[in-house]
Each structure stands twice: as C-alpha cells, then as structure tokens.
Amino acid sequence: MGEIEHLQLVLVCSDEQLLIWNELMESEHPLGAGPLVGRQLRYLIGSQYGWLGGIGYGASALQLADRDAWIGWDEQQRTG
C-alpha cells in the first residue's frame, strides 16, 4: 500500500457515487452490498489508479430497551 500514491477517502454524497459503491460491494465483497441498517456513512477509496474499494458504516440501533436498561441510560443520556 505504501507504493500507491494519492489515496483518498471520498464520502459518498451523490447518486453516481452510490452506484459505484454498490457495484464495488456486489462484485468484490463476499456478502455483497447488503443493506446497512440505521444511520449510514459510505466512503469510496480512490487513488491514481481509480477506485480501489469502499467502506460502509451502519449505526447500531438508536433505541434498544434491554441494552439501555443494562447500561443504565435514560432518554437524555442516550440521545445526548
């Protein structure tokens, strides 16, 4: 990776970028482009050679009563 110059992490903001991200996931990821749940961020990894891959983050559930009770969160702490 040290030989690849001009690496860039590009936040997916447009429909065109989302199409590229989905195509990369479908063709390269073992699980495909399965849906991300909840709030999401997707990035494309670019270089002088073109798109090298993508990264996606899906937020965990915002509200899980059992988890929140176990942690001891009230509404204000959870959303804070």
PDB file of N, CA and C in Angstrom:
ATOM      1  N   MET A   1       0.825  -1.188   0.000  1.00  0.00           N
ATOM      2  CA  MET A   1       0.000   0.000   0.000  1.00  0.00           C
ATOM      3  C   MET A   1       0.867   1.249   0.000  1.00  0.00           C
ATOM      4  N   GLY A   2       2.062   1.173   0.518  1.00  0.00           N
ATOM      5  CA  GLY A   2       2.932   2.328   0.537  1.00  0.00           C
ATOM      6  C   GLY A   2       3.324   2.809  -0.846  1.00  0.00           C
ATOM      7  N   GLU A   3       3.194   1.939  -1.854  1.00  0.00           N
ATOM      8  CA  GLU A   3       3.539   2.319  -3.214  1.00  0.00           C
ATOM      9  C   GLU A   3       2.391   3.011  -3.945  1.00  0.00           C
ATOM     10  N   ILE A   4       1.206   2.974  -3.376  1.00  0.00           N
ATOM     11  CA  ILE A   4       0.055   3.624  -4.003  1.00  0.00           C
ATOM     12  C   ILE A   4      -0.005   5.063  -3.507  1.00  0.00           C
ATOM     13  N   GLU A   5       0.112   5.983  -4.429  1.00  0.00           N
ATOM     14  CA  GLU A   5       0.112   7.393  -4.055  1.00  0.00           C
ATOM     15  C   GLU A   5      -1.276   7.995  -4.221  1.00  0.00           C
ATOM     16  N   HIS A   6      -1.469   9.100  -3.569  1.00  0.00           N
ATOM     17  CA  HIS A   6      -2.681   9.900  -3.717  1.00  0.00           C
ATOM     18  C   HIS A   6      -3.942   9.132  -3.285  1.00  0.00           C
ATOM     19  N   LEU A   7      -3.826   8.341  -2.221  1.00  0.00           N
ATOM     20  CA  LEU A   7      -5.029   7.689  -1.694  1.00  0.00           C
ATOM     21  C   LEU A   7      -5.969   8.750  -1.152  1.00  0.00           C
ATOM     22  N   GLN A   8      -7.250   8.557  -1.376  1.00  0.00           N
ATOM     23  CA  GLN A   8      -8.233   9.499  -0.854  1.00  0.00           C
ATOM     24  C   GLN A   8      -9.479   8.750  -0.404  1.00  0.00           C
ATOM     25  N   LEU A   9     -10.036   9.230   0.658  1.00  0.00           N
ATOM     26  CA  LEU A   9     -11.287   8.712   1.187  1.00  0.00           C
ATOM     27  C   LEU A   9     -12.363   9.712   0.806  1.00  0.00           C
ATOM     28  N   VAL A  10     -13.336   9.269  -0.004  1.00  0.00           N
ATOM     29  CA  VAL A  10     -14.349  10.170  -0.551  1.00  0.00           C
ATOM     30  C   VAL A  10     -15.712   9.797   0.020  1.00  0.00           C
ATOM     31  N   LEU A  11     -16.321  10.712   0.741  1.00  0.00           N
ATOM     32  CA  LEU A  11     -17.658  10.497   1.276  1.00  0.00           C
ATOM     33  C   LEU A  11     -18.643  10.371   0.126  1.00  0.00           C
ATOM     34  N   VAL A  12     -19.437   9.310   0.124  1.00  0.00           N
ATOM     35  CA  VAL A  12     -20.435   9.100  -0.928  1.00  0.00           C
ATOM     36  C   VAL A  12     -21.595  10.064  -0.689  1.00  0.00           C
ATOM     37  N   CYS A  13     -21.763  11.002  -1.612  1.00  0.00           N
ATOM     38  CA  CYS A  13     -22.807  12.019  -1.468  1.00  0.00           C
ATOM     39  C   CYS A  13     -23.780  12.046  -2.636  1.00  0.00           C
ATOM     40  N   SER A  14     -23.371  11.520  -3.777  1.00  0.00           N
ATOM     41  CA  SER A  14     -24.218  11.621  -4.966  1.00  0.00           C
ATOM     42  C   SER A  14     -24.753  10.249  -5.357  1.00  0.00           C
ATOM     43  N   ASP A  15     -25.792  10.267  -6.170  1.00  0.00           N
ATOM     44  CA  ASP A  15     -26.354   9.010  -6.688  1.00  0.00           C
ATOM     45  C   ASP A  15     -25.313   8.262  -7.516  1.00  0.00           C
ATOM     46  N   GLU A  16     -24.506   8.988  -8.263  1.00  0.00           N
ATOM     47  CA  GLU A  16     -23.466   8.361  -9.085  1.00  0.00           C
ATOM     48  C   GLU A  16     -22.437   7.641  -8.210  1.00  0.00           C
ATOM     49  N   GLN A  17     -22.013   8.295  -7.131  1.00  0.00           N
ATOM     50  CA  GLN A  17     -21.063   7.675  -6.211  1.00  0.00           C
ATOM     51  C   GLN A  17     -21.678   6.457  -5.528  1.00  0.00           C
ATOM     52  N   LEU A  18     -22.969   6.548  -5.170  1.00  0.00           N
ATOM     53  CA  LEU A  18     -23.646   5.421  -4.533  1.00  0.00           C
ATOM     54  C   LEU A  18     -23.720   4.229  -5.478  1.00  0.00           C
ATOM     55  N   LEU A  19     -23.955   4.487  -6.745  1.00  0.00           N
ATOM     56  CA  LEU A  19     -23.987   3.418  -7.739  1.00  0.00           C
ATOM     57  C   LEU A  19     -22.619   2.731  -7.828  1.00  0.00           C
ATOM     58  N   ILE A  20     -21.552   3.511  -7.843  1.00  0.00           N
ATOM     59  CA  ILE A  20     -20.201   2.954  -7.881  1.00  0.00           C
ATOM     60  C   ILE A  20     -19.953   2.125  -6.626  1.00  0.00           C
ATOM     61  N   TRP A  21     -20.309   2.663  -5.457  1.00  0.00           N
ATOM     62  CA  TRP A  21     -20.106   1.957  -4.193  1.00  0.00           C
ATOM     63  C   TRP A  21     -20.859   0.622  -4.202  1.00  0.00           C
ATOM     64  N   ASN A  22     -22.132   0.650  -4.621  1.00  0.00           N
ATOM     65  CA  ASN A  22     -22.933  -0.580  -4.668  1.00  0.00           C
ATOM     66  C   ASN A  22     -22.340  -1.604  -5.637  1.00  0.00           C
ATOM     67  N   GLU A  23     -21.879  -1.142  -6.788  1.00  0.00           N
ATOM     68  CA  GLU A  23     -21.282  -2.052  -7.762  1.00  0.00           C
ATOM     69  C   GLU A  23     -20.003  -2.683  -7.223  1.00  0.00           C
ATOM     70  N   LEU A  24     -19.187  -1.890  -6.525  1.00  0.00           N
ATOM     71  CA  LEU A  24     -17.983  -2.440  -5.909  1.00  0.00           C
ATOM     72  C   LEU A  24     -18.330  -3.494  -4.860  1.00  0.00           C
ATOM     73  N   MET A  25     -19.318  -3.208  -4.030  1.00  0.00           N
ATOM     74  CA  MET A  25     -19.701  -4.165  -2.992  1.00  0.00           C
ATOM     75  C   MET A  25     -20.255  -5.451  -3.607  1.00  0.00           C
ATOM     76  N   GLU A  26     -21.099  -5.323  -4.619  1.00  0.00           N
ATOM     77  CA  GLU A  26     -21.684  -6.504  -5.273  1.00  0.00           C
ATOM     78  C   GLU A  26     -20.617  -7.379  -5.907  1.00  0.00           C
ATOM     79  N   SER A  27     -19.624  -6.749  -6.530  1.00  0.00           N
ATOM     80  CA  SER A  27     -18.636  -7.533  -7.263  1.00  0.00           C
ATOM     81  C   SER A  27     -17.465  -8.003  -6.400  1.00  0.00           C
ATOM     82  N   GLU A  28     -17.142  -7.295  -5.323  1.00  0.00           N
ATOM     83  CA  GLU A  28     -15.923  -7.595  -4.571  1.00  0.00           C
ATOM     84  C   GLU A  28     -16.134  -8.097  -3.150  1.00  0.00           C
ATOM     85  N   HIS A  29     -17.219  -7.713  -2.506  1.00  0.00           N
ATOM     86  CA  HIS A  29     -17.432  -8.104  -1.100  1.00  0.00           C
ATOM     87  C   HIS A  29     -18.070  -9.480  -1.035  1.00  0.00           C
ATOM     88  N   PRO A  30     -17.569 -10.367  -0.160  1.00  0.00           N
ATOM     89  CA  PRO A  30     -18.126 -11.722  -0.081  1.00  0.00           C
ATOM     90  C   PRO A  30     -19.615 -11.760   0.269  1.00  0.00           C
ATOM     91  N   LEU A  31     -20.108 -10.755   0.974  1.00  0.00           N
ATOM     92  CA  LEU A  31     -21.523 -10.722   1.356  1.00  0.00           C
ATOM     93  C   LEU A  31     -22.350  -9.835   0.436  1.00  0.00           C
ATOM     94  N   GLY A  32     -21.725  -9.248  -0.556  1.00  0.00           N
ATOM     95  CA  GLY A  32     -22.453  -8.374  -1.463  1.00  0.00           C
ATOM     96  C   GLY A  32     -22.687  -7.002  -0.854  1.00  0.00           C
ATOM     97  N   ALA A  33     -23.636  -6.309  -1.428  1.00  0.00           N
ATOM     98  CA  ALA A  33     -23.933  -4.938  -0.988  1.00  0.00           C
ATOM     99  C   ALA A  33     -25.142  -4.930  -0.077  1.00  0.00           C
ATOM    100  N   GLY A  34     -25.219  -5.893   0.815  1.00  0.00           N
ATOM    101  CA  GLY A  34     -26.358  -5.978   1.719  1.00  0.00           C
ATOM    102  C   GLY A  34     -26.675  -4.647   2.363  1.00  0.00           C
ATOM    103  N   PRO A  35     -27.890  -4.456   2.764  1.00  0.00           N
ATOM    104  CA  PRO A  35     -28.270  -3.138   3.292  1.00  0.00           C
ATOM    105  C   PRO A  35     -27.575  -2.813   4.603  1.00  0.00           C
ATOM    106  N   LEU A  36     -27.186  -1.568   4.746  1.00  0.00           N
ATOM    107  CA  LEU A  36     -26.720  -1.067   6.032  1.00  0.00           C
ATOM    108  C   LEU A  36     -27.947  -0.608   6.798  1.00  0.00           C
ATOM    109  N   VAL A  37     -27.951  -0.839   8.088  1.00  0.00           N
ATOM    110  CA  VAL A  37     -29.122  -0.545   8.899  1.00  0.00           C
ATOM    111  C   VAL A  37     -28.927   0.764   9.647  1.00  0.00           C
ATOM    112  N   GLY A  38     -30.000   1.516   9.790  1.00  0.00           N
ATOM    113  CA  GLY A  38     -29.948   2.761  10.554  1.00  0.00           C
ATOM    114  C   GLY A  38     -29.190   3.849   9.820  1.00  0.00           C
ATOM    115  N   ARG A  39     -28.631   4.753  10.595  1.00  0.00           N
ATOM    116  CA  ARG A  39     -27.837   5.837  10.007  1.00  0.00           C
ATOM    117  C   ARG A  39     -26.604   5.233   9.355  1.00  0.00           C
ATOM    118  N   GLN A  40     -26.195   5.819   8.240  1.00  0.00           N
ATOM    119  CA  GLN A  40     -25.134   5.204   7.456  1.00  0.00           C
ATOM    120  C   GLN A  40     -24.150   6.229   6.927  1.00  0.00           C
ATOM    121  N   LEU A  41     -22.920   5.777   6.755  1.00  0.00           N
ATOM    122  CA  LEU A  41     -21.898   6.534   6.046  1.00  0.00           C
ATOM    123  C   LEU A  41     -21.224   5.570   5.090  1.00  0.00           C
ATOM    124  N   ARG A  42     -21.010   6.013   3.880  1.00  0.00           N
ATOM    125  CA  ARG A  42     -20.307   5.214   2.883  1.00  0.00           C
ATOM    126  C   ARG A  42     -19.176   6.054   2.306  1.00  0.00           C
ATOM    127  N   TYR A  43     -18.039   5.404   2.098  1.00  0.00           N
ATOM    128  CA  TYR A  43     -16.880   6.065   1.516  1.00  0.00           C
ATOM    129  C   TYR A  43     -16.355   5.229   0.366  1.00  0.00           C
ATOM    130  N   LEU A  44     -15.843   5.904  -0.654  1.00  0.00           N
ATOM    131  CA  LEU A  44     -15.087   5.258  -1.717  1.00  0.00           C
ATOM    132  C   LEU A  44     -13.610   5.521  -1.458  1.00  0.00           C
ATOM    133  N   ILE A  45     -12.779   4.541  -1.796  1.00  0.00           N
ATOM    134  CA  ILE A  45     -11.337   4.677  -1.643  1.00  0.00           C
ATOM    135  C   ILE A  45     -10.764   4.860  -3.042  1.00  0.00           C
ATOM    136  N   GLY A  46     -10.201   6.032  -3.276  1.00  0.00           N
ATOM    137  CA  GLY A  46      -9.683   6.355  -4.588  1.00  0.00           C
ATOM    138  C   GLY A  46      -8.170   6.464  -4.601  1.00  0.00           C
ATOM    139  N   SER A  47      -7.597   6.370  -5.797  1.00  0.00           N
ATOM    140  CA  SER A  47      -6.163   6.527  -5.995  1.00  0.00           C
ATOM    141  C   SER A  47      -5.917   6.985  -7.424  1.00  0.00           C
ATOM    142  N   GLN A  48      -4.638   7.096  -7.787  1.00  0.00           N
ATOM    143  CA  GLN A  48      -4.327   7.461  -9.164  1.00  0.00           C
ATOM    144  C   GLN A  48      -4.735   6.365 -10.139  1.00  0.00           C
ATOM    145  N   TYR A  49      -5.046   5.163  -9.637  1.00  0.00           N
ATOM    146  CA  TYR A  49      -5.471   4.046 -10.483  1.00  0.00           C
ATOM    147  C   TYR A  49      -6.989   3.950 -10.623  1.00  0.00           C
ATOM    148  N   GLY A  50      -7.724   4.798  -9.927  1.00  0.00           N
ATOM    149  CA  GLY A  50      -9.182   4.742  -9.919  1.00  0.00           C
ATOM    150  C   GLY A  50      -9.680   4.275  -8.564  1.00  0.00           C
ATOM    151  N   TRP A  51     -10.897   3.796  -8.521  1.00  0.00           N
ATOM    152  CA  TRP A  51     -11.495   3.346  -7.263  1.00  0.00           C
ATOM    153  C   TRP A  51     -10.889   2.012  -6.851  1.00  0.00           C
ATOM    154  N   LEU A  52     -10.418   1.941  -5.616  1.00  0.00           N
ATOM    155  CA  LEU A  52      -9.820   0.716  -5.091  1.00  0.00           C
ATOM    156  C   LEU A  52     -10.800  -0.079  -4.248  1.00  0.00           C
ATOM    157  N   GLY A  53     -11.801   0.578  -3.704  1.00  0.00           N
ATOM    158  CA  GLY A  53     -12.755  -0.113  -2.845  1.00  0.00           C
ATOM    159  C   GLY A  53     -13.688   0.857  -2.171  1.00  0.00           C
ATOM    160  N   GLY A  54     -14.385   0.345  -1.181  1.00  0.00           N
ATOM    161  CA  GLY A  54     -15.327   1.164  -0.437  1.00  0.00           C
ATOM    162  C   GLY A  54     -15.424   0.693   0.995  1.00  0.00           C
ATOM    163  N   ILE A  55     -15.873   1.586   1.842  1.00  0.00           N
ATOM    164  CA  ILE A  55     -16.086   1.293   3.267  1.00  0.00           C
ATOM    165  C   ILE A  55     -17.472   1.793   3.623  1.00  0.00           C
ATOM    166  N   GLY A  56     -18.198   1.011   4.394  1.00  0.00           N
ATOM    167  CA  GLY A  56     -19.518   1.439   4.837  1.00  0.00           C
ATOM    168  C   GLY A  56     -19.682   1.232   6.326  1.00  0.00           C
ATOM    169  N   TYR A  57     -20.320   2.176   6.973  1.00  0.00           N
ATOM    170  CA  TYR A  57     -20.597   2.107   8.400  1.00  0.00           C
ATOM    171  C   TYR A  57     -22.093   2.247   8.622  1.00  0.00           C
ATOM    172  N   GLY A  58     -22.673   1.351   9.374  1.00  0.00           N
ATOM    173  CA  GLY A  58     -24.067   1.451   9.767  1.00  0.00           C
ATOM    174  C   GLY A  58     -24.133   1.602  11.282  1.00  0.00           C
ATOM    175  N   ALA A  59     -24.920   2.530  11.747  1.00  0.00           N
ATOM    176  CA  ALA A  59     -25.038   2.766  13.193  1.00  0.00           C
ATOM    177  C   ALA A  59     -25.774   1.618  13.850  1.00  0.00           C
ATOM    178  N   SER A  60     -25.411   1.367  15.073  1.00  0.00           N
ATOM    179  CA  SER A  60     -26.195   0.398  15.830  1.00  0.00           C
ATOM    180  C   SER A  60     -27.558   1.017  16.131  1.00  0.00           C
ATOM    181  N   ALA A  61     -28.466   0.209  16.562  1.00  0.00           N
ATOM    182  CA  ALA A  61     -29.817   0.692  16.841  1.00  0.00           C
ATOM    183  C   ALA A  61     -29.773   1.836  17.846  1.00  0.00           C
ATOM    184  N   LEU A  62     -30.568   2.843  17.581  1.00  0.00           N
ATOM    185  CA  LEU A  62     -30.600   4.003  18.470  1.00  0.00           C
ATOM    186  C   LEU A  62     -31.354   3.724  19.757  1.00  0.00           C
ATOM    187  N   GLN A  63     -32.254   2.776  19.710  1.00  0.00           N
ATOM    188  CA  GLN A  63     -33.102   2.532  20.862  1.00  0.00           C
ATOM    189  C   GLN A  63     -33.314   1.031  21.052  1.00  0.00           C
ATOM    190  N   LEU A  64     -32.707   0.467  22.085  1.00  0.00           N
ATOM    191  CA  LEU A  64     -32.934  -0.920  22.470  1.00  0.00           C
ATOM    192  C   LEU A  64     -33.182  -0.934  23.974  1.00  0.00           C
ATOM    193  N   ALA A  65     -34.391  -1.201  24.362  1.00  0.00           N
ATOM    194  CA  ALA A  65     -34.784  -1.077  25.763  1.00  0.00           C
ATOM    195  C   ALA A  65     -33.911  -1.915  26.691  1.00  0.00           C
ATOM    196  N   ASP A  66     -33.664  -3.191  26.335  1.00  0.00           N
ATOM    197  CA  ASP A  66     -32.867  -4.053  27.211  1.00  0.00           C
ATOM    198  C   ASP A  66     -31.431  -3.553  27.339  1.00  0.00           C
ATOM    199  N   ARG A  67     -30.840  -3.166  26.219  1.00  0.00           N
ATOM    200  CA  ARG A  67     -29.468  -2.635  26.261  1.00  0.00           C
ATOM    201  C   ARG A  67     -29.426  -1.364  27.096  1.00  0.00           C
ATOM    202  N   ASP A  68     -30.361  -0.448  26.851  1.00  0.00           N
ATOM    203  CA  ASP A  68     -30.380   0.827  27.568  1.00  0.00           C
ATOM    204  C   ASP A  68     -30.558   0.618  29.067  1.00  0.00           C
ATOM    205  N   ALA A  69     -31.408  -0.325  29.450  1.00  0.00           N
ATOM    206  CA  ALA A  69     -31.609  -0.618  30.870  1.00  0.00           C
ATOM    207  C   ALA A  69     -30.341  -1.214  31.481  1.00  0.00           C
ATOM    208  N   TRP A  70     -29.675  -2.113  30.755  1.00  0.00           N
ATOM    209  CA  TRP A  70     -28.458  -2.750  31.254  1.00  0.00           C
ATOM    210  C   TRP A  70     -27.359  -1.713  31.460  1.00  0.00           C
ATOM    211  N   ILE A  71     -27.222  -0.782  30.502  1.00  0.00           N
ATOM    212  CA  ILE A  71     -26.216   0.275  30.607  1.00  0.00           C
ATOM    213  C   ILE A  71     -26.616   1.281  31.679  1.00  0.00           C
ATOM    214  N   GLY A  72     -27.924   1.440  31.871  1.00  0.00           N
ATOM    215  CA  GLY A  72     -28.411   2.414  32.836  1.00  0.00           C
ATOM    216  C   GLY A  72     -28.682   3.775  32.219  1.00  0.00           C
ATOM    217  N   TRP A  73     -28.857   3.797  30.895  1.00  0.00           N
ATOM    218  CA  TRP A  73     -29.121   5.044  30.199  1.00  0.00           C
ATOM    219  C   TRP A  73     -30.565   5.465  30.363  1.00  0.00           C
ATOM    220  N   ASP A  74     -30.762   6.757  30.585  1.00  0.00           N
ATOM    221  CA  ASP A  74     -32.108   7.300  30.448  1.00  0.00           C
ATOM    222  C   ASP A  74     -32.171   7.973  29.075  1.00  0.00           C
ATOM    223  N   GLU A  75     -33.320   8.499  28.718  1.00  0.00           N
ATOM    224  CA  GLU A  75     -33.513   9.107  27.389  1.00  0.00           C
ATOM    225  C   GLU A  75     -32.501  10.204  27.101  1.00  0.00           C
ATOM    226  N   GLN A  76     -32.273  11.068  28.086  1.00  0.00           N
ATOM    227  CA  GLN A  76     -31.351  12.197  27.874  1.00  0.00           C
ATOM    228  C   GLN A  76     -29.915  11.705  27.653  1.00  0.00           C
ATOM    229  N   GLN A  77     -29.472  10.725  28.423  1.00  0.00           N
ATOM    230  CA  GLN A  77     -28.126  10.214  28.247  1.00  0.00           C
ATOM    231  C   GLN A  77     -27.952   9.515  26.903  1.00  0.00           C
ATOM    232  N   ARG A  78     -28.965   8.777  26.480  1.00  0.00           N
ATOM    233  CA  ARG A  78     -28.880   8.024  25.239  1.00  0.00           C
ATOM    234  C   ARG A  78     -28.813   8.957  24.036  1.00  0.00           C
ATOM    235  N   THR A  79     -29.555  10.037  24.059  1.00  0.00           N
ATOM    236  CA  THR A  79     -29.593  10.944  22.905  1.00  0.00           C
ATOM    237  C   THR A  79     -28.578  12.060  23.003  1.00  0.00           C
ATOM    238  N   GLY A  80     -27.975  12.238  24.183  1.00  0.00           N
ATOM    239  CA  GLY A  80     -27.065  13.330  24.473  1.00  0.00           C
ATOM    240  C   GLY A  80     -25.987  13.520  23.541  1.00  0.00           C
TER     241      GLY A  80
END
